[in-house]
């Protein structure tokens, strides 16, 4: 039996983060708040980026938001 047979990967100090819609700081469905919490940035930054993306894509970013609303579980 070698030393590699009983090798186990070190444990992560924190559980993996899940992308969820947050009920705190939500305005419509909590998608931007959930993305901001997942990325560790301020929710205002994510909301401003979402507004800019909506303007520059001619509204196509709204589909991305709706997909997040539908696919992301509540957190």
PDB file of N, CA and C in Angstrom:
ATOM      1  N   UNK A   1       0.853  -1.176   0.000  1.00  0.00           N
ATOM      2  CA  UNK A   1       0.000   0.000   0.000  1.00  0.00           C
ATOM      3  C   UNK A   1       0.896   1.236   0.000  1.00  0.00           C
ATOM      4  N   UNK A   2       0.701   2.105  -0.944  1.00  0.00           N
ATOM      5  CA  UNK A   2       1.523   3.303  -1.036  1.00  0.00           C
ATOM      6  C   UNK A   2       0.846   4.467  -0.305  1.00  0.00           C
ATOM      7  N   UNK A   3       1.580   5.545  -0.170  1.00  0.00           N
ATOM      8  CA  UNK A   3       1.031   6.723   0.489  1.00  0.00           C
ATOM      9  C   UNK A   3      -0.066   7.383  -0.337  1.00  0.00           C
ATOM     10  N   UNK A   4      -0.097   7.124  -1.624  1.00  0.00           N
ATOM     11  CA  UNK A   4      -1.081   7.760  -2.494  1.00  0.00           C
ATOM     12  C   UNK A   4      -2.446   7.082  -2.427  1.00  0.00           C
ATOM     13  N   UNK A   5      -2.523   5.880  -1.878  1.00  0.00           N
ATOM     14  CA  UNK A   5      -3.795   5.168  -1.804  1.00  0.00           C
ATOM     15  C   UNK A   5      -4.778   5.840  -0.855  1.00  0.00           C
ATOM     16  N   UNK A   6      -4.287   6.439   0.187  1.00  0.00           N
ATOM     17  CA  UNK A   6      -5.183   7.051   1.168  1.00  0.00           C
ATOM     18  C   UNK A   6      -5.241   8.570   1.017  1.00  0.00           C
ATOM     19  N   UNK A   7      -4.805   9.085  -0.120  1.00  0.00           N
ATOM     20  CA  UNK A   7      -4.794  10.535  -0.335  1.00  0.00           C
ATOM     21  C   UNK A   7      -6.218  11.040  -0.514  1.00  0.00           C
ATOM     22  N   UNK A   8      -6.519  12.114   0.150  1.00  0.00           N
ATOM     23  CA  UNK A   8      -7.800  12.784  -0.061  1.00  0.00           C
ATOM     24  C   UNK A   8      -7.527  14.263  -0.270  1.00  0.00           C
ATOM     25  N   UNK A   9      -8.345  14.869  -1.081  1.00  0.00           N
ATOM     26  CA  UNK A   9      -8.181  16.293  -1.369  1.00  0.00           C
ATOM     27  C   UNK A   9      -8.485  17.103  -0.121  1.00  0.00           C
ATOM     28  N   UNK A  10      -7.784  18.208   0.075  1.00  0.00           N
ATOM     29  CA  UNK A  10      -8.065  19.045   1.242  1.00  0.00           C
ATOM     30  C   UNK A  10      -9.470  19.638   1.155  1.00  0.00           C
ATOM     31  N   UNK A  11     -10.073  19.814   2.305  1.00  0.00           N
ATOM     32  CA  UNK A  11     -11.418  20.367   2.347  1.00  0.00           C
ATOM     33  C   UNK A  11     -11.378  21.872   2.147  1.00  0.00           C
ATOM     34  N   UNK A  12     -12.357  22.374   1.445  1.00  0.00           N
ATOM     35  CA  UNK A  12     -12.504  23.809   1.258  1.00  0.00           C
ATOM     36  C   UNK A  12     -13.058  24.406   2.548  1.00  0.00           C
ATOM     37  N   UNK A  13     -12.569  25.567   2.971  1.00  0.00           N
ATOM     38  CA  UNK A  13     -13.063  26.149   4.223  1.00  0.00           C
ATOM     39  C   UNK A  13     -14.526  26.573   4.149  1.00  0.00           C
ATOM     40  N   UNK A  14     -15.033  26.810   2.966  1.00  0.00           N
ATOM     41  CA  UNK A  14     -16.435  27.199   2.842  1.00  0.00           C
ATOM     42  C   UNK A  14     -17.103  26.347   1.774  1.00  0.00           C
ATOM     43  N   UNK A  15     -18.371  26.184   1.920  1.00  0.00           N
ATOM     44  CA  UNK A  15     -19.142  25.398   0.951  1.00  0.00           C
ATOM     45  C   UNK A  15     -19.193  26.154  -0.368  1.00  0.00           C
ATOM     46  N   UNK A  16     -19.338  25.449  -1.487  1.00  0.00           N
ATOM     47  CA  UNK A  16     -19.422  26.152  -2.770  1.00  0.00           C
ATOM     48  C   UNK A  16     -20.651  27.053  -2.816  1.00  0.00           C
ATOM     49  N   UNK A  17     -20.448  28.219  -3.384  1.00  0.00           N
ATOM     50  CA  UNK A  17     -21.545  29.171  -3.474  1.00  0.00           C
ATOM     51  C   UNK A  17     -22.472  28.780  -4.611  1.00  0.00           C
ATOM     52  N   UNK A  18     -23.761  28.935  -4.398  1.00  0.00           N
ATOM     53  CA  UNK A  18     -24.747  28.675  -5.429  1.00  0.00           C
ATOM     54  C   UNK A  18     -25.307  29.995  -5.911  1.00  0.00           C
ATOM     55  N   UNK A  19     -25.609  30.047  -7.179  1.00  0.00           N
ATOM     56  CA  UNK A  19     -26.223  31.232  -7.761  1.00  0.00           C
ATOM     57  C   UNK A  19     -27.723  31.138  -7.533  1.00  0.00           C
ATOM     58  N   UNK A  20     -28.235  31.955  -6.635  1.00  0.00           N
ATOM     59  CA  UNK A  20     -29.650  31.943  -6.295  1.00  0.00           C
ATOM     60  C   UNK A  20     -30.216  33.353  -6.345  1.00  0.00           C
ATOM     61  N   UNK A  21     -31.519  33.430  -6.511  1.00  0.00           N
ATOM     62  CA  UNK A  21     -32.195  34.729  -6.417  1.00  0.00           C
ATOM     63  C   UNK A  21     -32.349  35.060  -4.947  1.00  0.00           C
ATOM     64  N   UNK A  22     -31.988  36.267  -4.587  1.00  0.00           N
ATOM     65  CA  UNK A  22     -32.055  36.669  -3.187  1.00  0.00           C
ATOM     66  C   UNK A  22     -33.339  37.418  -2.905  1.00  0.00           C
ATOM     67  N   UNK A  23     -33.875  37.194  -1.736  1.00  0.00           N
ATOM     68  CA  UNK A  23     -35.079  37.897  -1.307  1.00  0.00           C
ATOM     69  C   UNK A  23     -34.727  39.245  -0.672  1.00  0.00           C
ATOM     70  N   UNK A  24     -33.500  39.375  -0.152  1.00  0.00           N
ATOM     71  CA  UNK A  24     -33.042  40.649   0.389  1.00  0.00           C
ATOM     72  C   UNK A  24     -32.537  41.504  -0.771  1.00  0.00           C
ATOM     73  N   UNK A  25     -32.746  42.763  -0.717  1.00  0.00           N
ATOM     74  CA  UNK A  25     -32.277  43.728  -1.718  1.00  0.00           C
ATOM     75  C   UNK A  25     -32.879  43.494  -3.098  1.00  0.00           C
ATOM     76  N   UNK A  26     -34.025  42.856  -3.185  1.00  0.00           N
ATOM     77  CA  UNK A  26     -34.609  42.624  -4.502  1.00  0.00           C
ATOM     78  C   UNK A  26     -35.492  43.789  -4.897  1.00  0.00           C
ATOM     79  N   UNK A  27     -35.574  44.029  -6.199  1.00  0.00           N
ATOM     80  CA  UNK A  27     -36.480  45.046  -6.722  1.00  0.00           C
ATOM     81  C   UNK A  27     -37.609  44.381  -7.510  1.00  0.00           C
ATOM     82  N   UNK A  28     -37.268  43.449  -8.371  1.00  0.00           N
ATOM     83  CA  UNK A  28     -38.290  42.747  -9.153  1.00  0.00           C
ATOM     84  C   UNK A  28     -38.316  41.287  -8.746  1.00  0.00           C
ATOM     85  N   UNK A  29     -37.274  40.542  -9.112  1.00  0.00           N
ATOM     86  CA  UNK A  29     -37.259  39.108  -8.810  1.00  0.00           C
ATOM     87  C   UNK A  29     -36.050  38.682  -8.001  1.00  0.00           C
ATOM     88  N   UNK A  30     -35.087  39.567  -7.776  1.00  0.00           N
ATOM     89  CA  UNK A  30     -33.901  39.224  -7.008  1.00  0.00           C
ATOM     90  C   UNK A  30     -32.757  38.652  -7.828  1.00  0.00           C
ATOM     91  N   UNK A  31     -32.865  38.716  -9.166  1.00  0.00           N
ATOM     92  CA  UNK A  31     -31.822  38.164 -10.027  1.00  0.00           C
ATOM     93  C   UNK A  31     -30.535  38.968  -9.890  1.00  0.00           C
ATOM     94  N   UNK A  32     -30.605  40.265 -10.032  1.00  0.00           N
ATOM     95  CA  UNK A  32     -29.401  41.103  -9.923  1.00  0.00           C
ATOM     96  C   UNK A  32     -28.792  41.012  -8.532  1.00  0.00           C
ATOM     97  N   UNK A  33     -29.629  40.942  -7.511  1.00  0.00           N
ATOM     98  CA  UNK A  33     -29.134  40.812  -6.151  1.00  0.00           C
ATOM     99  C   UNK A  33     -28.406  39.485  -5.957  1.00  0.00           C
ATOM    100  N   UNK A  34     -28.933  38.431  -6.533  1.00  0.00           N
ATOM    101  CA  UNK A  34     -28.284  37.127  -6.443  1.00  0.00           C
ATOM    102  C   UNK A  34     -26.965  37.077  -7.179  1.00  0.00           C
ATOM    103  N   UNK A  35     -26.928  37.685  -8.367  1.00  0.00           N
ATOM    104  CA  UNK A  35     -25.681  37.733  -9.141  1.00  0.00           C
ATOM    105  C   UNK A  35     -24.632  38.544  -8.391  1.00  0.00           C
ATOM    106  N   UNK A  36     -25.057  39.672  -7.814  1.00  0.00           N
ATOM    107  CA  UNK A  36     -24.120  40.513  -7.063  1.00  0.00           C
ATOM    108  C   UNK A  36     -23.558  39.771  -5.858  1.00  0.00           C
ATOM    109  N   UNK A  37     -24.403  39.052  -5.141  1.00  0.00           N
ATOM    110  CA  UNK A  37     -23.936  38.293  -3.977  1.00  0.00           C
ATOM    111  C   UNK A  37     -22.992  37.180  -4.412  1.00  0.00           C
ATOM    112  N   UNK A  38     -23.287  36.536  -5.522  1.00  0.00           N
ATOM    113  CA  UNK A  38     -22.439  35.448  -6.010  1.00  0.00           C
ATOM    114  C   UNK A  38     -21.063  35.953  -6.429  1.00  0.00           C
ATOM    115  N   UNK A  39     -21.037  37.118  -7.063  1.00  0.00           N
ATOM    116  CA  UNK A  39     -19.770  37.687  -7.533  1.00  0.00           C
ATOM    117  C   UNK A  39     -19.042  38.499  -6.471  1.00  0.00           C
ATOM    118  N   UNK A  40     -19.739  38.845  -5.402  1.00  0.00           N
ATOM    119  CA  UNK A  40     -19.126  39.627  -4.335  1.00  0.00           C
ATOM    120  C   UNK A  40     -18.984  41.101  -4.671  1.00  0.00           C
ATOM    121  N   UNK A  41     -19.918  41.632  -5.445  1.00  0.00           N
ATOM    122  CA  UNK A  41     -19.905  43.049  -5.801  1.00  0.00           C
ATOM    123  C   UNK A  41     -21.183  43.698  -5.307  1.00  0.00           C
ATOM    124  N   UNK A  42     -21.221  45.014  -5.359  1.00  0.00           N
ATOM    125  CA  UNK A  42     -22.394  45.754  -4.929  1.00  0.00           C
ATOM    126  C   UNK A  42     -23.539  45.537  -5.912  1.00  0.00           C
ATOM    127  N   UNK A  43     -24.739  45.417  -5.401  1.00  0.00           N
ATOM    128  CA  UNK A  43     -25.902  45.162  -6.247  1.00  0.00           C
ATOM    129  C   UNK A  43     -26.168  46.330  -7.198  1.00  0.00           C
ATOM    130  N   UNK A  44     -25.803  47.535  -6.810  1.00  0.00           N
ATOM    131  CA  UNK A  44     -26.001  48.695  -7.681  1.00  0.00           C
ATOM    132  C   UNK A  44     -25.174  48.580  -8.953  1.00  0.00           C
ATOM    133  N   UNK A  45     -23.973  48.042  -8.849  1.00  0.00           N
ATOM    134  CA  UNK A  45     -23.119  47.852 -10.023  1.00  0.00           C
ATOM    135  C   UNK A  45     -23.770  46.875 -11.001  1.00  0.00           C
ATOM    136  N   UNK A  46     -24.296  45.779 -10.483  1.00  0.00           N
ATOM    137  CA  UNK A  46     -24.934  44.782 -11.341  1.00  0.00           C
ATOM    138  C   UNK A  46     -26.176  45.370 -11.997  1.00  0.00           C
ATOM    139  N   UNK A  47     -26.955  46.141 -11.250  1.00  0.00           N
ATOM    140  CA  UNK A  47     -28.158  46.759 -11.826  1.00  0.00           C
ATOM    141  C   UNK A  47     -27.809  47.763 -12.916  1.00  0.00           C
ATOM    142  N   UNK A  48     -26.776  48.563 -12.690  1.00  0.00           N
ATOM    143  CA  UNK A  48     -26.358  49.524 -13.717  1.00  0.00           C
ATOM    144  C   UNK A  48     -25.843  48.816 -14.967  1.00  0.00           C
ATOM    145  N   UNK A  49     -25.095  47.730 -14.774  1.00  0.00           N
ATOM    146  CA  UNK A  49     -24.625  46.950 -15.925  1.00  0.00           C
ATOM    147  C   UNK A  49     -25.799  46.321 -16.675  1.00  0.00           C
ATOM    148  N   UNK A  50     -26.811  45.908 -15.953  1.00  0.00           N
ATOM    149  CA  UNK A  50     -27.997  45.326 -16.588  1.00  0.00           C
ATOM    150  C   UNK A  50     -28.752  46.378 -17.401  1.00  0.00           C
ATOM    151  N   UNK A  51     -28.876  47.570 -16.867  1.00  0.00           N
ATOM    152  CA  UNK A  51     -29.534  48.653 -17.602  1.00  0.00           C
ATOM    153  C   UNK A  51     -28.727  48.997 -18.851  1.00  0.00           C
ATOM    154  N   UNK A  52     -27.410  49.103 -18.718  1.00  0.00           N
ATOM    155  CA  UNK A  52     -26.566  49.405 -19.879  1.00  0.00           C
ATOM    156  C   UNK A  52     -26.656  48.296 -20.918  1.00  0.00           C
ATOM    157  N   UNK A  53     -26.652  47.047 -20.470  1.00  0.00           N
ATOM    158  CA  UNK A  53     -26.766  45.932 -21.404  1.00  0.00           C
ATOM    159  C   UNK A  53     -28.109  45.952 -22.123  1.00  0.00           C
ATOM    160  N   UNK A  54     -29.157  46.324 -21.422  1.00  0.00           N
ATOM    161  CA  UNK A  54     -30.476  46.406 -22.043  1.00  0.00           C
ATOM    162  C   UNK A  54     -30.506  47.497 -23.106  1.00  0.00           C
ATOM    163  N   UNK A  55     -29.912  48.633 -22.811  1.00  0.00           N
ATOM    164  CA  UNK A  55     -29.884  49.740 -23.771  1.00  0.00           C
ATOM    165  C   UNK A  55     -29.040  49.379 -24.988  1.00  0.00           C
ATOM    166  N   UNK A  56     -27.857  48.829 -24.759  1.00  0.00           N
ATOM    167  CA  UNK A  56     -26.937  48.567 -25.867  1.00  0.00           C
ATOM    168  C   UNK A  56     -27.297  47.334 -26.696  1.00  0.00           C
ATOM    169  N   UNK A  57     -28.126  46.444 -26.154  1.00  0.00           N
ATOM    170  CA  UNK A  57     -28.535  45.273 -26.933  1.00  0.00           C
ATOM    171  C   UNK A  57     -29.947  45.419 -27.492  1.00  0.00           C
ATOM    172  N   UNK A  58     -30.505  46.592 -27.363  1.00  0.00           N
ATOM    173  CA  UNK A  58     -31.844  46.816 -27.888  1.00  0.00           C
ATOM    174  C   UNK A  58     -32.916  46.045 -27.136  1.00  0.00           C
ATOM    175  N   UNK A  59     -32.683  45.773 -25.881  1.00  0.00           N
ATOM    176  CA  UNK A  59     -33.662  45.085 -25.055  1.00  0.00           C
ATOM    177  C   UNK A  59     -33.444  43.588 -24.931  1.00  0.00           C
ATOM    178  N   UNK A  60     -32.464  43.052 -25.628  1.00  0.00           N
ATOM    179  CA  UNK A  60     -32.220  41.607 -25.581  1.00  0.00           C
ATOM    180  C   UNK A  60     -31.763  41.151 -24.197  1.00  0.00           C
ATOM    181  N   UNK A  61     -31.170  42.033 -23.418  1.00  0.00           N
ATOM    182  CA  UNK A  61     -30.713  41.656 -22.076  1.00  0.00           C
ATOM    183  C   UNK A  61     -31.897  41.362 -21.161  1.00  0.00           C
ATOM    184  N   UNK A  62     -33.073  41.855 -21.514  1.00  0.00           N
ATOM    185  CA  UNK A  62     -34.261  41.538 -20.722  1.00  0.00           C
ATOM    186  C   UNK A  62     -34.540  40.039 -20.788  1.00  0.00           C
ATOM    187  N   UNK A  63     -34.261  39.422 -21.939  1.00  0.00           N
ATOM    188  CA  UNK A  63     -34.428  37.974 -22.060  1.00  0.00           C
ATOM    189  C   UNK A  63     -33.482  37.229 -21.117  1.00  0.00           C
ATOM    190  N   UNK A  64     -32.282  37.756 -20.962  1.00  0.00           N
ATOM    191  CA  UNK A  64     -31.316  37.163 -20.032  1.00  0.00           C
ATOM    192  C   UNK A  64     -31.829  37.263 -18.599  1.00  0.00           C
ATOM    193  N   UNK A  65     -32.401  38.405 -18.256  1.00  0.00           N
ATOM    194  CA  UNK A  65     -32.970  38.588 -16.926  1.00  0.00           C
ATOM    195  C   UNK A  65     -34.133  37.617 -16.697  1.00  0.00           C
ATOM    196  N   UNK A  66     -35.007  37.495 -17.683  1.00  0.00           N
ATOM    197  CA  UNK A  66     -36.141  36.579 -17.569  1.00  0.00           C
ATOM    198  C   UNK A  66     -35.673  35.131 -17.447  1.00  0.00           C
ATOM    199  N   UNK A  67     -34.612  34.785 -18.163  1.00  0.00           N
ATOM    200  CA  UNK A  67     -34.057  33.437 -18.046  1.00  0.00           C
ATOM    201  C   UNK A  67     -33.509  33.206 -16.642  1.00  0.00           C
ATOM    202  N   UNK A  68     -32.844  34.211 -16.085  1.00  0.00           N
ATOM    203  CA  UNK A  68     -32.355  34.097 -14.714  1.00  0.00           C
ATOM    204  C   UNK A  68     -33.492  33.947 -13.721  1.00  0.00           C
ATOM    205  N   UNK A  69     -34.573  34.666 -13.947  1.00  0.00           N
ATOM    206  CA  UNK A  69     -35.744  34.590 -13.081  1.00  0.00           C
ATOM    207  C   UNK A  69     -36.324  33.177 -13.116  1.00  0.00           C
ATOM    208  N   UNK A  70     -36.341  32.603 -14.282  1.00  0.00           N
ATOM    209  CA  UNK A  70     -36.931  31.275 -14.455  1.00  0.00           C
ATOM    210  C   UNK A  70     -36.005  30.153 -13.973  1.00  0.00           C
ATOM    211  N   UNK A  71     -34.695  30.297 -14.216  1.00  0.00           N
ATOM    212  CA  UNK A  71     -33.747  29.208 -13.951  1.00  0.00           C
ATOM    213  C   UNK A  71     -33.113  29.237 -12.558  1.00  0.00           C
ATOM    214  N   UNK A  72     -32.956  30.416 -11.988  1.00  0.00           N
ATOM    215  CA  UNK A  72     -32.278  30.524 -10.688  1.00  0.00           C
ATOM    216  C   UNK A  72     -33.248  30.193  -9.550  1.00  0.00           C
ATOM    217  N   UNK A  73     -32.850  29.297  -8.658  1.00  0.00           N
ATOM    218  CA  UNK A  73     -33.728  28.991  -7.518  1.00  0.00           C
ATOM    219  C   UNK A  73     -33.720  30.142  -6.505  1.00  0.00           C
ATOM    220  N   UNK A  74     -34.774  30.222  -5.715  1.00  0.00           N
ATOM    221  CA  UNK A  74     -34.811  31.226  -4.654  1.00  0.00           C
ATOM    222  C   UNK A  74     -33.800  30.875  -3.584  1.00  0.00           C
ATOM    223  N   UNK A  75     -33.172  31.879  -3.046  1.00  0.00           N
ATOM    224  CA  UNK A  75     -32.162  31.614  -2.021  1.00  0.00           C
ATOM    225  C   UNK A  75     -32.606  32.117  -0.757  1.00  0.00           C
TER     226      UNK A  75
END
